[in-house]
PDB file of N, CA and C in Angstrom:
ATOM      1  N   UNK A   1      20.558 -58.875 -26.905  1.00  0.00           N
ATOM      2  CA  UNK A   1      20.216 -60.291 -26.974  1.00  0.00           C
ATOM      3  C   UNK A   1      19.989 -60.646 -28.120  1.00  0.00           C
ATOM      4  N   UNK A   2      19.986 -61.630 -28.771  1.00  0.00           N
ATOM      5  CA  UNK A   2      19.723 -62.217 -30.096  1.00  0.00           C
ATOM      6  C   UNK A   2      18.699 -63.571 -29.853  1.00  0.00           C
ATOM      7  N   UNK A   3      17.491 -63.445 -29.820  1.00  0.00           N
ATOM      8  CA  UNK A   3      16.231 -64.426 -29.443  1.00  0.00           C
ATOM      9  C   UNK A   3      16.447 -65.416 -30.448  1.00  0.00           C
ATOM     10  N   UNK A   4      16.512 -66.437 -29.982  1.00  0.00           N
ATOM     11  CA  UNK A   4      16.302 -67.765 -30.765  1.00  0.00           C
ATOM     12  C   UNK A   4      17.934 -68.326 -31.084  1.00  0.00           C
ATOM     13  N   UNK A   5      19.063 -67.511 -30.284  1.00  0.00           N
ATOM     14  CA  UNK A   5      20.402 -68.069 -30.574  1.00  0.00           C
ATOM     15  C   UNK A   5      20.952 -68.634 -29.387  1.00  0.00           C
ATOM     16  N   UNK A   6      21.268 -69.793 -29.179  1.00  0.00           N
ATOM     17  CA  UNK A   6      20.972 -70.402 -27.863  1.00  0.00           C
ATOM     18  C   UNK A   6      22.495 -70.243 -27.133  1.00  0.00           C
ATOM     19  N   UNK A   7      22.017 -69.878 -25.516  1.00  0.00           N
ATOM     20  CA  UNK A   7      23.182 -69.226 -25.084  1.00  0.00           C
ATOM     21  C   UNK A   7      24.375 -70.829 -24.648  1.00  0.00           C
ATOM     22  N   UNK A   8      25.641 -70.356 -24.193  1.00  0.00           N
ATOM     23  CA  UNK A   8      26.784 -70.709 -23.803  1.00  0.00           C
ATOM     24  C   UNK A   8      26.691 -71.114 -22.179  1.00  0.00           C
ATOM     25  N   UNK A   9      26.526 -72.805 -21.793  1.00  0.00           N
ATOM     26  CA  UNK A   9      26.848 -73.092 -20.609  1.00  0.00           C
ATOM     27  C   UNK A   9      27.487 -73.668 -20.323  1.00  0.00           C
ATOM     28  N   UNK A  10      28.520 -73.205 -19.220  1.00  0.00           N
ATOM     29  CA  UNK A  10      29.540 -73.622 -18.805  1.00  0.00           C
ATOM     30  C   UNK A  10      29.848 -74.250 -17.644  1.00  0.00           C
ATOM     31  N   UNK A  11      30.760 -75.084 -17.165  1.00  0.00           N
ATOM     32  CA  UNK A  11      30.865 -75.049 -15.545  1.00  0.00           C
ATOM     33  C   UNK A  11      32.079 -74.215 -14.868  1.00  0.00           C
ATOM     34  N   UNK A  12      31.906 -74.265 -13.558  1.00  0.00           N
ATOM     35  CA  UNK A  12      33.291 -73.819 -13.212  1.00  0.00           C
ATOM     36  C   UNK A  12      33.510 -74.969 -12.332  1.00  0.00           C
ATOM     37  N   UNK A  13      34.875 -74.828 -11.603  1.00  0.00           N
ATOM     38  CA  UNK A  13      35.613 -76.080 -11.299  1.00  0.00           C
ATOM     39  C   UNK A  13      34.398 -76.688  -9.852  1.00  0.00           C
ATOM     40  N   UNK A  14      33.977 -76.192  -9.295  1.00  0.00           N
ATOM     41  CA  UNK A  14      32.999 -76.530  -8.251  1.00  0.00           C
ATOM     42  C   UNK A  14      31.839 -77.111  -9.013  1.00  0.00           C
ATOM     43  N   UNK A  15      31.601 -76.483 -10.098  1.00  0.00           N
ATOM     44  CA  UNK A  15      30.182 -77.041 -10.836  1.00  0.00           C
ATOM     45  C   UNK A  15      30.087 -78.531 -11.617  1.00  0.00           C
ATOM     46  N   UNK A  16      31.834 -78.549 -11.846  1.00  0.00           N
ATOM     47  CA  UNK A  16      32.093 -79.966 -12.912  1.00  0.00           C
ATOM     48  C   UNK A  16      32.205 -81.004 -11.743  1.00  0.00           C
ATOM     49  N   UNK A  17      32.872 -80.763 -10.465  1.00  0.00           N
ATOM     50  CA  UNK A  17      33.218 -81.566  -9.458  1.00  0.00           C
ATOM     51  C   UNK A  17      32.107 -82.641  -8.926  1.00  0.00           C
ATOM     52  N   UNK A  18      30.974 -81.274  -8.948  1.00  0.00           N
ATOM     53  CA  UNK A  18      29.581 -81.707  -8.323  1.00  0.00           C
ATOM     54  C   UNK A  18      28.759 -82.750  -9.352  1.00  0.00           C
ATOM     55  N   UNK A  19      29.008 -81.966 -10.502  1.00  0.00           N
ATOM     56  CA  UNK A  19      28.144 -82.939 -11.787  1.00  0.00           C
ATOM     57  C   UNK A  19      28.650 -84.482 -11.518  1.00  0.00           C
ATOM     58  N   UNK A  20      30.134 -84.625 -11.458  1.00  0.00           N
ATOM     59  CA  UNK A  20      30.576 -85.609 -11.417  1.00  0.00           C
ATOM     60  C   UNK A  20      30.337 -86.707 -10.274  1.00  0.00           C
ATOM     61  N   UNK A  21      30.001 -85.714  -9.159  1.00  0.00           N
ATOM     62  CA  UNK A  21      29.782 -86.757  -7.792  1.00  0.00           C
ATOM     63  C   UNK A  21      28.673 -86.848  -7.986  1.00  0.00           C
ATOM     64  N   UNK A  22      27.156 -86.245  -8.581  1.00  0.00           N
ATOM     65  CA  UNK A  22      26.094 -86.372  -8.742  1.00  0.00           C
ATOM     66  C   UNK A  22      25.504 -88.161  -9.118  1.00  0.00           C
ATOM     67  N   UNK A  23      24.711 -88.043  -8.527  1.00  0.00           N
ATOM     68  CA  UNK A  23      23.533 -89.573  -8.799  1.00  0.00           C
ATOM     69  C   UNK A  23      23.397 -89.819  -9.989  1.00  0.00           C
ATOM     70  N   UNK A  24      22.905 -90.533 -10.639  1.00  0.00           N
ATOM     71  CA  UNK A  24      22.665 -90.723 -11.908  1.00  0.00           C
ATOM     72  C   UNK A  24      21.397 -90.234 -12.123  1.00  0.00           C
ATOM     73  N   UNK A  25      20.261 -89.814 -11.403  1.00  0.00           N
ATOM     74  CA  UNK A  25      19.326 -89.180 -11.442  1.00  0.00           C
ATOM     75  C   UNK A  25      19.247 -87.399 -11.178  1.00  0.00           C
ATOM     76  N   UNK A  26      20.291 -87.482 -10.481  1.00  0.00           N
ATOM     77  CA  UNK A  26      21.051 -86.080 -10.428  1.00  0.00           C
ATOM     78  C   UNK A  26      21.310 -85.498 -11.337  1.00  0.00           C
ATOM     79  N   UNK A  27      22.277 -86.251 -11.974  1.00  0.00           N
ATOM     80  CA  UNK A  27      23.051 -85.976 -13.410  1.00  0.00           C
ATOM     81  C   UNK A  27      22.086 -85.837 -14.305  1.00  0.00           C
ATOM     82  N   UNK A  28      20.716 -86.641 -14.477  1.00  0.00           N
ATOM     83  CA  UNK A  28      20.066 -86.376 -15.228  1.00  0.00           C
ATOM     84  C   UNK A  28      19.343 -85.085 -15.583  1.00  0.00           C
ATOM     85  N   UNK A  29      18.721 -84.573 -14.428  1.00  0.00           N
ATOM     86  CA  UNK A  29      17.923 -83.559 -13.890  1.00  0.00           C
ATOM     87  C   UNK A  29      18.779 -82.203 -14.571  1.00  0.00           C
ATOM     88  N   UNK A  30      20.082 -82.384 -13.813  1.00  0.00           N
ATOM     89  CA  UNK A  30      21.226 -81.390 -14.113  1.00  0.00           C
ATOM     90  C   UNK A  30      21.453 -81.030 -15.641  1.00  0.00           C
ATOM     91  N   UNK A  31      21.729 -81.926 -16.437  1.00  0.00           N
ATOM     92  CA  UNK A  31      21.763 -81.640 -17.475  1.00  0.00           C
ATOM     93  C   UNK A  31      20.884 -81.344 -18.494  1.00  0.00           C
ATOM     94  N   UNK A  32      19.400 -82.012 -18.323  1.00  0.00           N
ATOM     95  CA  UNK A  32      17.755 -81.632 -18.698  1.00  0.00           C
ATOM     96  C   UNK A  32      17.947 -79.982 -18.111  1.00  0.00           C
ATOM     97  N   UNK A  33      18.752 -79.469 -17.370  1.00  0.00           N
ATOM     98  CA  UNK A  33      18.376 -78.096 -16.814  1.00  0.00           C
ATOM     99  C   UNK A  33      19.419 -77.090 -17.792  1.00  0.00           C
ATOM    100  N   UNK A  34      20.234 -77.946 -17.396  1.00  0.00           N
ATOM    101  CA  UNK A  34      21.743 -77.067 -18.671  1.00  0.00           C
ATOM    102  C   UNK A  34      20.671 -76.875 -20.232  1.00  0.00           C
ATOM    103  N   UNK A  35      20.351 -77.977 -20.594  1.00  0.00           N
ATOM    104  CA  UNK A  35      19.412 -77.584 -21.741  1.00  0.00           C
ATOM    105  C   UNK A  35      18.670 -76.306 -21.586  1.00  0.00           C
ATOM    106  N   UNK A  36      17.630 -76.476 -20.911  1.00  0.00           N
ATOM    107  CA  UNK A  36      16.583 -75.291 -21.001  1.00  0.00           C
ATOM    108  C   UNK A  36      17.447 -74.019 -20.534  1.00  0.00           C
ATOM    109  N   UNK A  37      18.455 -73.966 -19.975  1.00  0.00           N
ATOM    110  CA  UNK A  37      19.269 -72.614 -19.625  1.00  0.00           C
ATOM    111  C   UNK A  37      19.881 -72.111 -21.046  1.00  0.00           C
ATOM    112  N   UNK A  38      20.204 -72.904 -21.696  1.00  0.00           N
ATOM    113  CA  UNK A  38      20.702 -72.510 -23.347  1.00  0.00           C
ATOM    114  C   UNK A  38      20.093 -71.850 -24.207  1.00  0.00           C
ATOM    115  N   UNK A  39      18.454 -72.750 -23.984  1.00  0.00           N
ATOM    116  CA  UNK A  39      17.692 -72.023 -24.713  1.00  0.00           C
ATOM    117  C   UNK A  39      16.652 -70.670 -24.104  1.00  0.00           C
ATOM    118  N   UNK A  40      17.015 -70.504 -22.654  1.00  0.00           N
ATOM    119  CA  UNK A  40      16.908 -68.621 -21.990  1.00  0.00           C
ATOM    120  C   UNK A  40      17.161 -69.078 -20.588  1.00  0.00           C
ATOM    121  N   UNK A  41      17.935 -68.414 -20.101  1.00  0.00           N
ATOM    122  CA  UNK A  41      18.367 -68.670 -18.337  1.00  0.00           C
ATOM    123  C   UNK A  41      17.592 -67.598 -17.156  1.00  0.00           C
ATOM    124  N   UNK A  42      16.624 -66.654 -18.029  1.00  0.00           N
ATOM    125  CA  UNK A  42      16.174 -65.788 -17.327  1.00  0.00           C
ATOM    126  C   UNK A  42      15.108 -65.884 -16.310  1.00  0.00           C
ATOM    127  N   UNK A  43      14.093 -67.261 -16.739  1.00  0.00           N
ATOM    128  CA  UNK A  43      12.939 -67.694 -15.920  1.00  0.00           C
ATOM    129  C   UNK A  43      12.924 -68.785 -15.867  1.00  0.00           C
ATOM    130  N   UNK A  44      14.189 -69.465 -15.332  1.00  0.00           N
ATOM    131  CA  UNK A  44      14.212 -70.364 -14.930  1.00  0.00           C
ATOM    132  C   UNK A  44      14.938 -70.869 -13.165  1.00  0.00           C
ATOM    133  N   UNK A  45      15.615 -69.689 -13.004  1.00  0.00           N
ATOM    134  CA  UNK A  45      15.546 -69.273 -11.087  1.00  0.00           C
ATOM    135  C   UNK A  45      15.043 -68.069 -11.015  1.00  0.00           C
ATOM    136  N   UNK A  46      15.408 -68.026 -10.024  1.00  0.00           N
ATOM    137  CA  UNK A  46      15.266 -66.687  -8.846  1.00  0.00           C
ATOM    138  C   UNK A  46      16.381 -66.055  -8.815  1.00  0.00           C
ATOM    139  N   UNK A  47      16.421 -64.808  -9.123  1.00  0.00           N
ATOM    140  CA  UNK A  47      17.463 -63.918  -8.885  1.00  0.00           C
ATOM    141  C   UNK A  47      17.849 -63.457  -7.270  1.00  0.00           C
ATOM    142  N   UNK A  48      19.393 -64.126  -7.372  1.00  0.00           N
ATOM    143  CA  UNK A  48      19.908 -64.063  -5.923  1.00  0.00           C
ATOM    144  C   UNK A  48      20.324 -62.457  -5.619  1.00  0.00           C
ATOM    145  N   UNK A  49      20.396 -62.292  -4.572  1.00  0.00           N
ATOM    146  CA  UNK A  49      20.635 -60.945  -4.379  1.00  0.00           C
ATOM    147  C   UNK A  49      22.606 -61.112  -4.247  1.00  0.00           C
ATOM    148  N   UNK A  50      23.336 -60.353  -4.551  1.00  0.00           N
ATOM    149  CA  UNK A  50      24.298 -60.450  -4.530  1.00  0.00           C
ATOM    150  C   UNK A  50      25.231 -59.185  -5.018  1.00  0.00           C
ATOM    151  N   UNK A  51      26.145 -58.944  -4.758  1.00  0.00           N
ATOM    152  CA  UNK A  51      26.914 -57.484  -4.911  1.00  0.00           C
ATOM    153  C   UNK A  51      27.350 -57.266  -6.643  1.00  0.00           C
ATOM    154  N   UNK A  52      27.248 -58.120  -7.569  1.00  0.00           N
ATOM    155  CA  UNK A  52      27.833 -57.993  -8.930  1.00  0.00           C
ATOM    156  C   UNK A  52      26.564 -58.211  -9.559  1.00  0.00           C
ATOM    157  N   UNK A  53      25.461 -59.254  -9.252  1.00  0.00           N
ATOM    158  CA  UNK A  53      24.026 -59.106 -10.129  1.00  0.00           C
ATOM    159  C   UNK A  53      24.332 -60.670 -11.198  1.00  0.00           C
ATOM    160  N   UNK A  54      23.110 -60.945 -11.495  1.00  0.00           N
ATOM    161  CA  UNK A  54      23.206 -61.898 -12.762  1.00  0.00           C
ATOM    162  C   UNK A  54      23.338 -63.122 -12.387  1.00  0.00           C
ATOM    163  N   UNK A  55      23.092 -62.986 -10.802  1.00  0.00           N
ATOM    164  CA  UNK A  55      23.008 -64.330 -10.315  1.00  0.00           C
ATOM    165  C   UNK A  55      21.588 -65.238  -9.654  1.00  0.00           C
ATOM    166  N   UNK A  56      21.427 -66.218  -9.948  1.00  0.00           N
ATOM    167  CA  UNK A  56      20.413 -67.033  -9.860  1.00  0.00           C
ATOM    168  C   UNK A  56      20.672 -68.271  -8.939  1.00  0.00           C
ATOM    169  N   UNK A  57      18.984 -68.583  -8.959  1.00  0.00           N
ATOM    170  CA  UNK A  57      19.354 -70.201  -7.771  1.00  0.00           C
ATOM    171  C   UNK A  57      18.287 -70.895  -8.064  1.00  0.00           C
ATOM    172  N   UNK A  58      18.257 -71.967  -8.686  1.00  0.00           N
ATOM    173  CA  UNK A  58      17.343 -72.776  -9.025  1.00  0.00           C
ATOM    174  C   UNK A  58      16.663 -74.241  -8.454  1.00  0.00           C
ATOM    175  N   UNK A  59      15.950 -74.846  -8.095  1.00  0.00           N
ATOM    176  CA  UNK A  59      15.734 -75.808  -7.414  1.00  0.00           C
ATOM    177  C   UNK A  59      14.946 -76.648  -8.636  1.00  0.00           C
ATOM    178  N   UNK A  60      15.861 -77.325  -8.383  1.00  0.00           N
ATOM    179  CA  UNK A  60      15.456 -79.098  -9.407  1.00  0.00           C
ATOM    180  C   UNK A  60      14.620 -79.910  -9.152  1.00  0.00           C
ATOM    181  N   UNK A  61      14.013 -80.605  -9.717  1.00  0.00           N
ATOM    182  CA  UNK A  61      13.257 -82.201  -9.635  1.00  0.00           C
ATOM    183  C   UNK A  61      13.953 -82.806 -10.050  1.00  0.00           C
ATOM    184  N   UNK A  62      14.064 -83.874  -9.164  1.00  0.00           N
ATOM    185  CA  UNK A  62      14.456 -85.128  -9.528  1.00  0.00           C
ATOM    186  C   UNK A  62      13.937 -86.260  -9.308  1.00  0.00           C
ATOM    187  N   UNK A  63      13.291 -86.987 -10.776  1.00  0.00           N
ATOM    188  CA  UNK A  63      12.543 -87.898 -10.221  1.00  0.00           C
ATOM    189  C   UNK A  63      11.095 -87.890 -10.346  1.00  0.00           C
ATOM    190  N   UNK A  64      10.969 -86.595 -11.049  1.00  0.00           N
ATOM    191  CA  UNK A  64       9.412 -85.978 -11.044  1.00  0.00           C
ATOM    192  C   UNK A  64       9.128 -85.699  -9.320  1.00  0.00           C
ATOM    193  N   UNK A  65      10.314 -85.499  -8.212  1.00  0.00           N
ATOM    194  CA  UNK A  65       9.864 -84.734  -7.765  1.00  0.00           C
ATOM    195  C   UNK A  65      10.911 -83.841  -6.518  1.00  0.00           C
ATOM    196  N   UNK A  66      10.248 -82.695  -6.703  1.00  0.00           N
ATOM    197  CA  UNK A  66      11.716 -81.731  -5.854  1.00  0.00           C
ATOM    198  C   UNK A  66      12.748 -82.448  -4.972  1.00  0.00           C
ATOM    199  N   UNK A  67      13.513 -82.010  -4.956  1.00  0.00           N
ATOM    200  CA  UNK A  67      14.560 -82.615  -3.929  1.00  0.00           C
ATOM    201  C   UNK A  67      15.318 -81.371  -3.381  1.00  0.00           C
ATOM    202  N   UNK A  68      16.365 -81.875  -2.903  1.00  0.00           N
ATOM    203  CA  UNK A  68      17.472 -80.886  -2.437  1.00  0.00           C
ATOM    204  C   UNK A  68      18.492 -80.626  -3.285  1.00  0.00           C
ATOM    205  N   UNK A  69      18.232 -80.481  -4.630  1.00  0.00           N
ATOM    206  CA  UNK A  69      19.522 -80.301  -5.316  1.00  0.00           C
ATOM    207  C   UNK A  69      19.160 -78.835  -5.951  1.00  0.00           C
ATOM    208  N   UNK A  70      19.914 -77.980  -6.187  1.00  0.00           N
ATOM    209  CA  UNK A  70      20.470 -76.986  -6.456  1.00  0.00           C
ATOM    210  C   UNK A  70      21.410 -75.917  -7.051  1.00  0.00           C
ATOM    211  N   UNK A  71      20.807 -75.237  -8.194  1.00  0.00           N
ATOM    212  CA  UNK A  71      21.793 -75.140  -8.719  1.00  0.00           C
ATOM    213  C   UNK A  71      22.057 -73.756  -9.016  1.00  0.00           C
ATOM    214  N   UNK A  72      23.570 -73.080  -8.461  1.00  0.00           N
ATOM    215  CA  UNK A  72      23.381 -71.482  -7.922  1.00  0.00           C
ATOM    216  C   UNK A  72      23.874 -70.892  -9.953  1.00  0.00           C
ATOM    217  N   UNK A  73      23.592 -70.250 -10.691  1.00  0.00           N
ATOM    218  CA  UNK A  73      24.263 -69.918 -11.976  1.00  0.00           C
ATOM    219  C   UNK A  73      24.068 -68.423 -11.874  1.00  0.00           C
ATOM    220  N   UNK A  74      25.513 -67.965 -12.747  1.00  0.00           N
ATOM    221  CA  UNK A  74      25.428 -66.489 -13.392  1.00  0.00           C
ATOM    222  C   UNK A  74      25.592 -66.354 -14.411  1.00  0.00           C
ATOM    223  N   UNK A  75      24.840 -64.951 -14.995  1.00  0.00           N
ATOM    224  CA  UNK A  75      24.183 -65.048 -16.304  1.00  0.00           C
ATOM    225  C   UNK A  75      25.072 -63.863 -16.870  1.00  0.00           C
ATOM    226  N   UNK A  76      25.813 -63.931 -18.077  1.00  0.00           N
ATOM    227  CA  UNK A  76      26.395 -63.264 -18.015  1.00  0.00           C
ATOM    228  C   UNK A  76      26.206 -62.349 -19.647  1.00  0.00           C
ATOM    229  N   UNK A  77      25.494 -61.188 -19.594  1.00  0.00           N
ATOM    230  CA  UNK A  77      24.645 -60.838 -20.894  1.00  0.00           C
ATOM    231  C   UNK A  77      25.293 -60.210 -21.839  1.00  0.00           C
ATOM    232  N   UNK A  78      27.145 -59.834 -21.612  1.00  0.00           N
ATOM    233  CA  UNK A  78      27.687 -59.322 -22.736  1.00  0.00           C
ATOM    234  C   UNK A  78      28.546 -60.994 -23.214  1.00  0.00           C
ATOM    235  N   UNK A  79      28.746 -62.038 -22.747  1.00  0.00           N
ATOM    236  CA  UNK A  79      29.274 -62.951 -23.480  1.00  0.00           C
ATOM    237  C   UNK A  79      28.279 -63.918 -23.619  1.00  0.00           C
ATOM    238  N   UNK A  80      26.676 -63.775 -23.551  1.00  0.00           N
ATOM    239  CA  UNK A  80      25.755 -64.737 -23.466  1.00  0.00           C
ATOM    240  C   UNK A  80      26.103 -66.013 -23.196  1.00  0.00           C
ATOM    241  N   UNK A  81      26.626 -65.967 -21.986  1.00  0.00           N
ATOM    242  CA  UNK A  81      27.109 -66.972 -21.353  1.00  0.00           C
ATOM    243  C   UNK A  81      26.324 -67.348 -19.934  1.00  0.00           C
ATOM    244  N   UNK A  82      25.892 -68.551 -19.647  1.00  0.00           N
ATOM    245  CA  UNK A  82      25.785 -69.116 -18.459  1.00  0.00           C
ATOM    246  C   UNK A  82      26.626 -69.568 -17.679  1.00  0.00           C
ATOM    247  N   UNK A  83      27.530 -69.591 -16.307  1.00  0.00           N
ATOM    248  CA  UNK A  83      28.191 -70.348 -15.814  1.00  0.00           C
ATOM    249  C   UNK A  83      27.728 -70.609 -14.738  1.00  0.00           C
ATOM    250  N   UNK A  84      27.495 -71.940 -14.313  1.00  0.00           N
ATOM    251  CA  UNK A  84      27.272 -73.152 -13.251  1.00  0.00           C
ATOM    252  C   UNK A  84      28.262 -72.851 -12.521  1.00  0.00           C
ATOM    253  N   UNK A  85      27.691 -72.075 -11.450  1.00  0.00           N
ATOM    254  CA  UNK A  85      28.827 -72.137  -9.883  1.00  0.00           C
ATOM    255  C   UNK A  85      28.858 -73.144  -9.246  1.00  0.00           C
ATOM    256  N   UNK A  86      27.643 -73.277  -8.763  1.00  0.00           N
ATOM    257  CA  UNK A  86      27.802 -74.882  -8.183  1.00  0.00           C
ATOM    258  C   UNK A  86      26.277 -75.651  -7.847  1.00  0.00           C
ATOM    259  N   UNK A  87      26.682 -76.417  -7.270  1.00  0.00           N
ATOM    260  CA  UNK A  87      25.570 -77.802  -7.431  1.00  0.00           C
ATOM    261  C   UNK A  87      25.674 -78.435  -5.972  1.00  0.00           C
ATOM    262  N   UNK A  88      24.499 -78.000  -5.457  1.00  0.00           N
ATOM    263  CA  UNK A  88      24.297 -78.190  -3.846  1.00  0.00           C
ATOM    264  C   UNK A  88      23.316 -79.425  -3.891  1.00  0.00           C
ATOM    265  N   UNK A  89      23.431 -80.761  -3.477  1.00  0.00           N
ATOM    266  CA  UNK A  89      22.574 -81.633  -3.538  1.00  0.00           C
ATOM    267  C   UNK A  89      22.715 -82.515  -1.696  1.00  0.00           C
ATOM    268  N   UNK A  90      21.259 -82.962  -1.543  1.00  0.00           N
ATOM    269  CA  UNK A  90      21.320 -83.097  -0.497  1.00  0.00           C
ATOM    270  C   UNK A  90      20.674 -84.572   0.043  1.00  0.00           C
ATOM    271  N   UNK A  91      20.245 -84.941   1.063  1.00  0.00           N
ATOM    272  CA  UNK A  91      19.456 -86.016   0.978  1.00  0.00           C
ATOM    273  C   UNK A  91      18.311 -85.995   0.758  1.00  0.00           C
TER     274      UNK A  91
END
């Protein structure tokens, strides 16, 4: 790993669709989270147990309060890339 070099953040088709349909407040929170991911993705979410590994889940605050907006993302160490897999929002 190269500390100081930003991580590439990309969206899956599902992640892009969720971003497009998010409220303005949710979109702002997601884009702020994307900026944090590019600085370093490992300490922002909780490691989610799956067969492949490198999958994290994070609960976002929307308008300074915890909301039901979660981001599931995968960290690819070899490519130094973060893939936002899905964004889930609720009332």
